[in-house]
N, C-alpha and C. Protein backbone atom coordinates (compact mmCIF):
# COMPACT_ATOMS: atom_id res chain seq x y z
N MET A 1 94.38 100.65 94.56
CA MET A 1 95.65 100.24 95.16
C MET A 1 96.08 100.87 96.32
N SER A 2 96.60 100.17 97.42
CA SER A 2 97.16 101.12 98.35
C SER A 2 98.46 101.29 98.66
N ILE A 3 98.87 102.29 99.43
CA ILE A 3 100.75 102.76 99.33
C ILE A 3 101.78 101.47 99.49
N GLU A 4 101.15 100.46 100.37
CA GLU A 4 101.95 99.40 100.51
C GLU A 4 101.85 98.11 99.05
N GLN A 5 100.84 98.67 98.40
CA GLN A 5 101.05 97.64 97.21
C GLN A 5 101.83 98.04 95.92
N GLN A 6 101.80 99.20 96.23
CA GLN A 6 102.93 100.06 94.87
C GLN A 6 103.93 99.72 95.33
N GLN A 7 104.53 99.15 94.20
CA GLN A 7 106.06 98.48 94.68
C GLN A 7 106.97 100.12 95.17
N GLY A 8 107.58 100.04 96.20
CA GLY A 8 108.67 100.68 96.04
C GLY A 8 108.71 102.71 96.03
N GLN A 9 106.96 102.18 96.20
CA GLN A 9 106.88 103.90 95.96
C GLN A 9 106.06 104.63 97.69
N SER A 10 106.94 105.62 97.90
CA SER A 10 106.60 106.02 99.46
C SER A 10 105.87 106.81 99.51
N GLN A 11 105.03 106.77 100.42
CA GLN A 11 103.76 107.93 101.14
C GLN A 11 103.98 108.71 100.04
N GLN A 12 105.22 109.69 100.14
CA GLN A 12 105.40 110.96 99.59
C GLN A 12 105.17 111.10 98.42
N ASP A 13 105.70 109.48 97.84
CA ASP A 13 105.43 109.49 96.19
C ASP A 13 104.22 109.39 95.78
N PHE A 14 103.31 108.76 96.11
CA PHE A 14 102.32 108.50 96.26
C PHE A 14 101.09 110.09 96.41
N LEU A 15 101.67 110.54 97.48
CA LEU A 15 100.71 111.71 97.11
C LEU A 15 101.49 113.13 96.37
N ARG A 16 102.58 113.19 96.11
CA ARG A 16 103.03 113.63 94.73
C ARG A 16 102.47 113.52 93.58
N GLN A 17 102.64 112.27 93.33
CA GLN A 17 101.72 111.74 91.94
C GLN A 17 100.70 111.93 92.05
N ALA A 18 99.37 111.69 93.08
CA ALA A 18 98.51 112.01 93.09
C ALA A 18 98.02 113.73 92.34
N LYS A 19 98.95 114.66 93.39
CA LYS A 19 98.70 115.81 93.59
C LYS A 19 98.98 116.23 91.43
N VAL A 20 100.24 116.16 91.30
CA VAL A 20 100.21 115.69 89.45
C VAL A 20 98.63 115.74 88.90
N THR A 21 98.70 113.80 89.37
CA THR A 21 97.77 113.30 87.91
C THR A 21 96.18 114.24 87.98
N LEU A 22 95.52 114.95 88.89
CA LEU A 22 94.76 115.35 89.44
C LEU A 22 94.96 116.58 89.22
N GLY A 23 96.10 117.63 89.02
CA GLY A 23 96.36 118.73 88.79
C GLY A 23 95.60 119.75 89.93
N LEU A 24 96.02 119.51 90.40
CA LEU A 24 95.67 120.14 92.47
C LEU A 24 96.60 120.62 93.20
N THR A 25 96.52 122.15 93.59
CA THR A 25 97.76 122.52 94.82
C THR A 25 97.11 121.31 95.74
N TRP A 26 97.79 121.50 96.70
CA TRP A 26 98.22 120.75 98.17
C TRP A 26 97.11 121.44 98.89
N ASP A 27 96.18 122.57 98.89
CA ASP A 27 95.49 122.16 99.68
C ASP A 27 94.36 122.42 98.96
N ALA A 28 94.06 122.20 97.61
CA ALA A 28 92.87 121.80 97.22
C ALA A 28 93.09 120.45 97.18
N LEU A 29 94.15 119.60 96.85
CA LEU A 29 93.96 118.16 96.98
C LEU A 29 93.18 117.58 98.63
N ALA A 30 93.99 118.37 99.68
CA ALA A 30 93.23 118.31 100.98
C ALA A 30 91.80 118.63 101.39
N VAL A 31 91.55 119.57 100.64
CA VAL A 31 89.76 119.78 100.79
C VAL A 31 88.83 118.70 100.00
N ALA A 32 89.68 118.35 98.75
CA ALA A 32 88.74 117.03 97.94
C ALA A 32 88.90 115.86 98.73
N ALA A 33 89.76 116.08 99.14
CA ALA A 33 90.06 114.31 99.81
C ALA A 33 89.51 114.29 101.43
N GLY A 34 88.85 115.96 101.98
CA GLY A 34 88.23 115.42 103.22
C GLY A 34 89.36 115.84 103.77
N ILE A 35 90.93 116.42 103.88
CA ILE A 35 91.90 116.09 104.92
C ILE A 35 92.23 117.24 105.15
N GLU A 36 92.57 117.42 106.40
CA GLU A 36 92.52 118.72 106.49
C GLU A 36 94.29 118.68 106.30
N PRO A 37 94.15 120.46 105.33
CA PRO A 37 95.79 120.84 104.98
C PRO A 37 97.06 120.59 105.74
N ARG A 38 96.67 120.69 107.09
CA ARG A 38 97.98 120.78 107.61
C ARG A 38 97.53 119.25 107.96
N ALA A 39 97.59 118.30 108.33
CA ALA A 39 97.48 117.26 108.49
C ALA A 39 98.25 116.26 106.86
N LEU A 40 97.74 116.67 106.15
CA LEU A 40 98.36 116.39 104.53
C LEU A 40 99.61 116.80 104.70
N LYS A 41 100.03 118.09 104.71
CA LYS A 41 101.59 118.52 104.83
C LYS A 41 102.54 117.54 105.83
N ASN A 42 101.65 117.13 107.04
CA ASN A 42 102.71 116.34 107.95
C ASN A 42 102.75 114.65 106.94
N TYR A 43 101.78 114.25 105.92
CA TYR A 43 101.63 113.17 105.48
C TYR A 43 102.73 113.51 104.38
N ARG A 44 103.51 114.04 103.99
CA ARG A 44 104.09 114.65 102.85
C ARG A 44 105.56 114.71 103.31
N MET A 45 105.84 114.82 104.25
CA MET A 45 107.26 115.14 104.84
C MET A 45 107.79 113.82 104.89
N PRO A 46 109.00 113.72 104.99
CA PRO A 46 109.84 112.49 104.68
C PRO A 46 109.86 112.09 106.16
N ASP A 47 110.08 110.48 105.97
CA ASP A 47 109.92 109.55 106.74
C ASP A 47 110.71 110.29 108.49
N GLU A 48 111.85 110.70 107.88
CA GLU A 48 112.54 111.25 108.88
C GLU A 48 112.77 111.97 109.63
N SER A 49 111.20 113.54 108.98
CA SER A 49 111.19 114.43 110.17
C SER A 49 110.53 114.05 111.08
N GLN A 50 110.72 114.93 111.89
CA GLN A 50 110.10 114.83 113.02
C GLN A 50 108.58 115.22 113.00
N ASN A 51 107.88 116.07 112.17
CA ASN A 51 107.01 115.82 111.82
C ASN A 51 105.58 115.35 110.99
N HIS A 52 106.77 114.31 110.39
CA HIS A 52 106.12 113.01 109.24
C HIS A 52 104.83 112.13 110.67
N ARG A 53 103.63 111.93 109.71
CA ARG A 53 103.04 111.53 110.23
C ARG A 53 102.07 110.24 109.17
N ARG A 54 102.35 109.00 109.55
CA ARG A 54 102.00 108.03 108.69
C ARG A 54 100.23 108.56 108.15
N MET A 55 100.17 108.48 107.15
CA MET A 55 98.93 108.52 106.54
C MET A 55 97.36 107.11 107.32
N PRO A 56 96.33 107.80 107.55
CA PRO A 56 95.70 107.14 107.68
C PRO A 56 95.18 106.24 107.12
N LYS A 57 94.53 105.08 107.03
CA LYS A 57 94.11 104.07 105.56
C LYS A 57 92.46 104.90 104.90
N LEU A 58 91.99 105.52 106.19
CA LEU A 58 90.74 106.39 105.67
C LEU A 58 91.18 107.64 104.87
N ALA A 59 92.71 108.32 104.92
CA ALA A 59 92.58 109.19 104.05
C ALA A 59 92.77 108.63 102.95
N GLN A 60 93.89 107.92 102.70
CA GLN A 60 94.68 107.20 101.79
C GLN A 60 93.43 106.60 101.10
N ARG A 61 92.77 105.57 101.14
CA ARG A 61 91.66 105.78 100.36
C ARG A 61 90.84 106.51 99.70
N ALA A 62 90.65 108.17 100.44
CA ALA A 62 90.10 108.76 99.82
C ALA A 62 90.78 109.54 98.68
N ILE A 63 91.98 109.57 99.06
CA ILE A 63 93.22 109.92 97.81
C ILE A 63 92.72 108.99 96.38
N GLU A 64 92.75 107.28 96.56
CA GLU A 64 92.82 106.31 95.97
C GLU A 64 91.25 106.87 94.91
N GLN A 65 90.23 107.26 96.12
CA GLN A 65 88.66 106.92 95.31
C GLN A 65 89.01 108.60 94.08
N LEU A 66 90.06 109.42 94.46
CA LEU A 66 89.69 110.83 93.63
C LEU A 66 90.81 110.70 92.29
N LEU A 67 91.52 109.68 92.32
CA LEU A 67 92.06 109.15 91.26
C LEU A 67 91.82 108.56 90.91
N GLU A 68 90.40 107.11 91.60
CA GLU A 68 90.03 106.08 90.25
C GLU A 68 88.77 106.82 89.63
N ALA A 69 88.34 107.89 89.88
CA ALA A 69 87.24 108.80 89.78
C ALA A 69 88.02 109.52 88.46
N HIS A 70 89.16 110.07 88.17
CA HIS A 70 89.88 110.84 87.39
C HIS A 70 90.13 110.13 86.46
N ALA A 71 90.53 108.96 86.42
CA ALA A 71 90.62 107.57 85.77
C ALA A 71 89.72 107.88 85.08
N ARG A 72 88.17 107.42 85.52
CA ARG A 72 86.84 107.18 84.93
C ARG A 72 86.77 108.23 83.72
N ARG A 73 86.68 109.34 84.49
CA ARG A 73 86.68 110.38 83.76
C ARG A 73 87.35 110.77 82.51
N ASN A 74 88.53 110.34 82.45
CA ASN A 74 89.23 110.60 81.30
C ASN A 74 89.23 109.33 80.33
N ARG A 75 88.97 108.18 80.95
CA ARG A 75 88.63 106.49 80.04
C ARG A 75 87.29 107.23 79.38
N LYS A 76 86.31 108.15 79.81
CA LYS A 76 85.28 108.71 79.27
C LYS A 76 84.93 109.57 77.95
N LYS A 77 86.24 110.14 78.15
CA LYS A 77 86.56 111.27 77.24
C LYS A 77 87.71 111.16 76.41
N ALA A 78 88.13 109.34 76.59
CA ALA A 78 88.91 109.05 75.49
C ALA A 78 87.73 108.15 74.10
N ALA A 79 86.81 107.65 74.83
CA ALA A 79 85.82 107.04 74.09
C ALA A 79 85.06 107.54 72.96
């Protein structure tokens, strides 16, 4: 599910939710997604921040894939 498809969820909320769901630190999330930690920090900044950057589709998809893999593992554990 893309950021735009998530009703009312900001980029910052998406990233925060991914971090919590995966149980990772910000730096570990960046490494797992193949994103530079400094870039991830800019993606998490509030929209009105001078340092805020819109997350590229490639980075967004990498995080979505981490979340999908996590969900699959949890479904297997529950079965």
